[in-house]
Amino acid sequence: MDQVFKALADETRRRLLDRLHEENGQTLGELCERIAMTRQSVTQHLSVLEAANLVSTVRRGREKLHYLNPVPLHEIQERWIDKFERPRLSALGAVKRRAEEAMTDKPTFVYVTYIRSTPEKVWDALTDADLTAAYWGHGNVSDWQQGSRWEHVRTDGSGIADVVGTVMESDRPHRLVTSWAAPEDEGQDDKYSRVTFDIQPHGGIVRLTVTHEDLPDDGALSDVSQGWPAVLSNLKSLLETGSPLPEEPWLMPNG
């Protein structure tokens, strides 16, 4: 939290967050266009924001896209605002949704979490059917080769898949990209969204960035904005403690 307040104390860094709030997913060059400052100085400010987890980055080819990460701001909200300002939560939620919109017309959700683990264990937790069943309520089933089909299968023994898709990129243990669709929409290109898992080691911890893009509408964005944090919190608990959370976090009531 000290890093968050340090980052927010500087006017230039607040302006950079404002720029990402207006249009998320910008490159360094795009951010520099609206800030009267050298690229080196902007890069240094962005490094402070990244260290505070207020900005996350995703590689797209040679470009590095910057996204506003609302999680630390939400933690401030929960700690100092919710108790006294609950009527304003809906307005703050609207700000969060706008902050997560990407450069495309379709909404994008980006979430970053830090896990005390190894990249290999995080990869296995995302791809092993038994492990995903333990913390996700579904087993992720595939051979995880590029071009292969994958399924998100219920754990009730029915064999029903609630999500299907294709493995678009598979670079164990660093990066996994999958397409997502409801089974009834399989084969309809305009019905698919895309999920990218970027796994970056740093000492004894792993930074896991989940990017869910090409969402159909704000309703879907709202759903994944609640679903991903719950699932990833359960994954983090499993890897750090050996067991998932005692209650399924996605079943907690809102508000």
Protein backbone atom coordinates (compact mmCIF):
# COMPACT_ATOMS: atom_id res chain seq x y z
CA MET A 1 0.00 0.00 0.00
CA ASP A 2 2.93 2.38 0.61
CA GLN A 3 3.97 1.92 -3.01
CA VAL A 4 0.44 2.72 -4.18
CA PHE A 5 0.30 6.00 -2.27
CA LYS A 6 3.82 6.91 -3.43
CA ALA A 7 2.80 6.29 -7.03
CA LEU A 8 -0.41 8.30 -6.71
CA ALA A 9 1.38 11.24 -5.06
CA ASP A 10 2.95 12.35 -8.35
CA GLU A 11 0.83 14.43 -10.75
CA THR A 12 2.44 12.95 -13.88
CA ARG A 13 1.71 9.41 -12.75
CA ARG A 14 -1.90 10.35 -12.02
CA ARG A 15 -2.13 11.81 -15.54
CA LEU A 16 -0.79 8.55 -16.98
CA LEU A 17 -3.49 6.64 -15.10
CA ASP A 18 -6.04 9.13 -16.43
CA ARG A 19 -4.85 8.44 -19.98
CA LEU A 20 -5.25 4.69 -19.44
CA HIS A 21 -8.63 5.28 -17.83
CA GLU A 22 -9.72 7.09 -20.99
CA GLU A 23 -8.24 4.51 -23.36
CA ASN A 24 -6.78 1.34 -21.91
CA GLY A 25 -4.13 -0.81 -23.58
CA GLN A 26 -1.82 1.93 -24.90
CA THR A 27 1.79 1.62 -26.02
CA LEU A 28 4.59 3.74 -24.58
CA GLY A 29 4.60 5.85 -27.73
CA GLU A 30 0.89 6.54 -27.46
CA LEU A 31 1.22 7.57 -23.83
CA CYS A 32 4.16 9.86 -24.64
CA GLU A 33 2.12 11.69 -27.29
CA ARG A 34 -0.04 13.29 -24.60
CA ILE A 35 2.62 13.82 -21.94
CA ALA A 36 5.18 16.62 -22.46
CA MET A 37 8.06 14.46 -21.31
CA THR A 38 10.82 12.28 -22.77
CA ARG A 39 10.21 8.58 -23.35
CA GLN A 40 12.82 7.77 -20.70
CA SER A 41 11.01 9.84 -18.07
CA VAL A 42 7.62 8.35 -18.95
CA THR A 43 9.17 4.88 -18.77
CA GLN A 44 10.46 5.62 -15.26
CA HIS A 45 7.00 6.79 -14.12
CA LEU A 46 5.41 3.69 -15.61
CA SER A 47 7.92 1.52 -13.73
CA VAL A 48 6.78 3.10 -10.45
CA LEU A 49 3.13 2.45 -11.39
CA GLU A 50 3.94 -1.17 -12.30
CA ALA A 51 5.79 -1.67 -9.00
CA ALA A 52 2.65 -0.45 -7.21
CA ASN A 53 0.56 -2.87 -9.32
CA LEU A 54 -1.47 0.08 -10.64
CA VAL A 55 -0.41 -0.66 -14.21
CA SER A 56 0.03 -4.05 -15.84
CA THR A 57 1.60 -4.79 -19.21
CA VAL A 58 0.94 -7.36 -21.90
CA ARG A 59 3.15 -8.13 -24.90
CA ARG A 60 1.52 -8.15 -28.34
CA GLY A 61 4.22 -8.96 -30.86
CA ARG A 62 6.82 -6.21 -30.62
CA GLU A 63 4.47 -3.88 -28.76
CA LYS A 64 4.05 -3.60 -25.00
CA LEU A 65 0.53 -2.56 -24.05
CA HIS A 66 -0.19 -0.82 -20.73
CA TYR A 67 -3.39 -1.41 -18.79
CA LEU A 68 -4.77 0.28 -15.71
CA ASN A 69 -5.07 -2.35 -12.95
CA PRO A 70 -7.94 -1.39 -10.62
CA VAL A 71 -7.18 -3.96 -7.89
CA PRO A 72 -5.08 -1.69 -5.57
CA LEU A 73 -7.65 1.08 -5.93
CA HIS A 74 -10.36 -1.40 -5.04
CA GLU A 75 -8.38 -2.40 -1.92
CA ILE A 76 -8.24 1.27 -0.88
CA GLN A 77 -11.96 1.47 -1.48
CA GLU A 78 -12.66 -1.56 0.68
CA ARG A 79 -10.39 -0.42 3.48
CA TRP A 80 -11.37 3.23 3.79
CA ILE A 81 -14.44 3.95 1.67
CA ASP A 82 -16.96 1.09 1.66
CA LYS A 83 -17.87 1.43 5.34
CA PHE A 84 -18.88 5.06 4.91
CA GLU A 85 -19.67 5.46 1.22
CA ARG A 86 -21.56 2.32 0.21
CA PRO A 87 -24.11 4.26 -1.89
CA ARG A 88 -21.30 5.26 -4.25
CA LEU A 89 -20.19 1.70 -5.04
CA SER A 90 -22.22 1.47 -8.23
CA ALA A 91 -20.55 4.62 -9.55
CA LEU A 92 -17.10 3.31 -8.67
CA GLY A 93 -17.94 0.04 -10.38
CA ALA A 94 -18.80 1.94 -13.56
CA VAL A 95 -15.41 3.68 -13.43
CA LYS A 96 -13.69 0.30 -13.05
CA ARG A 97 -15.48 -1.14 -16.09
CA ARG A 98 -14.50 1.84 -18.23
CA ALA A 99 -10.91 1.54 -17.04
CA GLU A 100 -10.77 -2.05 -18.27
CA GLU A 101 -11.91 -1.34 -21.80
CA ALA A 102 -9.24 -1.94 -24.41
CA MET A 103 -8.36 -0.17 -27.66
CA THR A 104 -10.84 -2.31 -29.58
CA ASP A 105 -14.61 -1.90 -29.62
CA LYS A 106 -15.02 -5.04 -27.53
CA PRO A 107 -14.28 -4.89 -23.78
CA THR A 108 -11.11 -6.39 -22.30
CA PHE A 109 -10.43 -7.47 -18.72
CA VAL A 110 -6.89 -7.59 -17.29
CA TYR A 111 -6.05 -9.02 -13.86
CA VAL A 112 -2.65 -9.41 -12.17
CA THR A 113 -1.88 -11.54 -9.15
CA TYR A 114 1.34 -12.59 -7.41
CA ILE A 115 1.79 -16.18 -6.25
CA ARG A 116 4.49 -17.76 -4.10
CA SER A 117 5.25 -20.62 -6.47
CA THR A 118 7.14 -21.54 -9.63
CA PRO A 119 6.13 -20.95 -13.26
CA GLU A 120 5.87 -24.70 -13.83
CA LYS A 121 3.47 -25.18 -10.92
CA VAL A 122 1.34 -22.23 -12.03
CA TRP A 123 1.21 -23.63 -15.57
CA ASP A 124 0.17 -27.05 -14.25
CA ALA A 125 -2.49 -25.44 -12.07
CA LEU A 126 -3.99 -23.87 -15.18
CA THR A 127 -3.81 -26.93 -17.43
CA ASP A 128 -4.03 -30.08 -15.30
CA ALA A 129 -7.59 -31.42 -15.25
CA ASP A 130 -7.41 -32.67 -11.66
CA LEU A 131 -5.83 -29.46 -10.33
CA THR A 132 -8.29 -27.18 -12.09
CA ALA A 133 -11.13 -29.32 -10.79
CA ALA A 134 -9.83 -28.79 -7.23
CA TYR A 135 -10.08 -24.98 -7.29
CA TRP A 136 -12.22 -24.04 -10.32
CA GLY A 137 -15.17 -26.38 -10.18
CA HIS A 138 -14.31 -27.51 -13.73
CA GLY A 139 -11.51 -29.55 -15.23
CA ASN A 140 -9.54 -28.02 -18.09
CA VAL A 141 -9.03 -30.85 -20.56
CA SER A 142 -6.63 -30.81 -23.55
CA ASP A 143 -3.20 -31.96 -24.64
CA TRP A 144 -2.33 -28.22 -24.68
CA GLN A 145 -0.59 -28.31 -28.02
CA GLN A 146 -1.06 -25.31 -30.31
CA GLY A 147 -4.13 -25.86 -32.47
CA SER A 148 -5.66 -28.47 -30.15
CA ARG A 149 -9.20 -28.28 -28.80
CA TRP A 150 -9.73 -27.70 -25.09
CA GLU A 151 -12.79 -28.07 -22.84
CA HIS A 152 -13.86 -26.66 -19.46
CA VAL A 153 -15.67 -29.74 -18.10
CA ARG A 154 -17.96 -29.95 -15.07
CA THR A 155 -16.76 -32.03 -12.12
CA ASP A 156 -20.16 -33.59 -11.40
CA GLY A 157 -19.45 -36.61 -13.58
CA SER A 158 -21.77 -35.48 -16.35
CA GLY A 159 -18.93 -34.83 -18.79
CA ILE A 160 -20.62 -31.60 -19.85
CA ALA A 161 -18.33 -28.82 -21.05
CA ASP A 162 -19.46 -25.27 -20.31
CA VAL A 163 -16.66 -23.68 -22.35
CA VAL A 164 -14.85 -24.95 -25.43
CA GLY A 165 -12.12 -23.47 -27.56
CA THR A 166 -8.75 -23.82 -29.23
CA VAL A 167 -5.21 -23.60 -27.87
CA MET A 168 -3.87 -20.65 -29.85
CA GLU A 169 -0.42 -20.39 -28.21
CA SER A 170 1.30 -22.82 -25.86
CA ASP A 171 4.73 -21.97 -24.47
CA ARG A 172 5.17 -23.87 -21.21
CA PRO A 173 5.62 -22.44 -18.62
CA HIS A 174 5.51 -18.83 -19.83
CA ARG A 175 2.44 -18.14 -21.96
CA LEU A 176 -0.85 -19.81 -22.80
CA VAL A 177 -3.49 -18.34 -25.12
CA THR A 178 -6.89 -19.98 -25.60
CA SER A 179 -10.09 -19.07 -27.38
CA TRP A 180 -13.36 -19.37 -25.42
CA ALA A 181 -16.94 -19.99 -26.51
CA ALA A 182 -20.11 -21.64 -25.30
CA PRO A 183 -20.49 -25.14 -26.82
CA GLU A 184 -23.51 -24.03 -28.82
CA ASP A 185 -21.43 -21.24 -30.39
CA GLU A 186 -18.51 -23.44 -31.40
CA GLY A 187 -17.35 -22.72 -34.92
CA GLN A 188 -18.80 -19.19 -34.98
CA ASP A 189 -15.74 -16.95 -35.03
CA ASP A 190 -17.59 -13.83 -33.88
CA LYS A 191 -18.77 -15.64 -30.72
CA TYR A 192 -15.30 -16.37 -29.34
CA SER A 193 -13.39 -14.42 -26.72
CA ARG A 194 -9.69 -14.93 -25.99
CA VAL A 195 -7.87 -15.56 -22.71
CA THR A 196 -4.11 -15.09 -22.30
CA PHE A 197 -2.13 -16.30 -19.30
CA ASP A 198 1.29 -14.63 -18.99
CA ILE A 199 3.50 -16.24 -16.33
CA GLN A 200 6.56 -14.26 -15.23
CA PRO A 201 8.96 -15.47 -12.49
CA HIS A 202 10.69 -13.11 -10.07
CA GLY A 203 12.77 -14.73 -7.37
CA GLY A 204 10.52 -17.02 -5.40
CA ILE A 205 7.24 -15.62 -6.71
CA VAL A 206 5.32 -15.59 -9.97
CA ARG A 207 3.42 -12.72 -11.55
CA LEU A 208 0.37 -14.12 -13.33
CA THR A 209 -1.39 -11.77 -15.75
CA VAL A 210 -4.76 -12.88 -17.12
CA THR A 211 -6.13 -10.96 -20.12
CA HIS A 212 -9.66 -11.77 -21.28
CA GLU A 213 -10.40 -9.89 -24.49
CA ASP A 214 -12.96 -9.73 -27.30
CA LEU A 215 -15.77 -9.96 -24.76
CA PRO A 216 -19.15 -9.48 -26.42
CA ASP A 217 -20.50 -6.68 -24.21
CA ASP A 218 -20.36 -4.91 -20.85
CA GLY A 219 -22.50 -7.62 -19.28
CA ALA A 220 -19.86 -10.23 -20.08
CA LEU A 221 -17.18 -7.86 -18.79
CA SER A 222 -19.06 -7.52 -15.50
CA ASP A 223 -19.32 -11.31 -15.20
CA VAL A 224 -15.62 -11.99 -15.78
CA SER A 225 -14.66 -9.06 -13.53
CA GLN A 226 -16.27 -10.98 -10.68
CA GLY A 227 -15.34 -14.48 -11.84
CA TRP A 228 -11.62 -14.20 -12.55
CA PRO A 229 -10.60 -12.68 -9.18
CA ALA A 230 -12.50 -15.45 -7.39
CA VAL A 231 -10.96 -18.25 -9.46
CA LEU A 232 -7.43 -16.85 -9.23
CA SER A 233 -7.72 -16.32 -5.47
CA ASN A 234 -8.62 -20.00 -5.19
CA LEU A 235 -5.66 -20.95 -7.41
CA LYS A 236 -3.33 -18.82 -5.28
CA SER A 237 -4.58 -20.47 -2.10
CA LEU A 238 -4.11 -23.94 -3.57
CA LEU A 239 -0.52 -23.30 -4.61
CA GLU A 240 0.53 -21.44 -1.46
CA THR A 241 -1.26 -23.50 1.18
CA GLY A 242 -1.94 -26.83 -0.50
CA SER A 243 -5.71 -26.41 -0.48
CA PRO A 244 -8.27 -24.06 -2.05
CA LEU A 245 -10.25 -21.56 0.00
CA PRO A 246 -12.68 -23.17 2.48
CA GLU A 247 -15.66 -21.70 0.61
CA GLU A 248 -16.06 -21.26 -3.15
CA PRO A 249 -15.33 -17.53 -3.54
CA TRP A 250 -17.54 -17.07 -6.61
CA LEU A 251 -20.56 -17.99 -4.48
CA MET A 252 -20.06 -15.05 -2.11
CA PRO A 253 -22.87 -12.48 -2.36
CA ASN A 254 -22.00 -9.07 -3.76
CA GLY A 255 -22.31 -6.03 -1.52
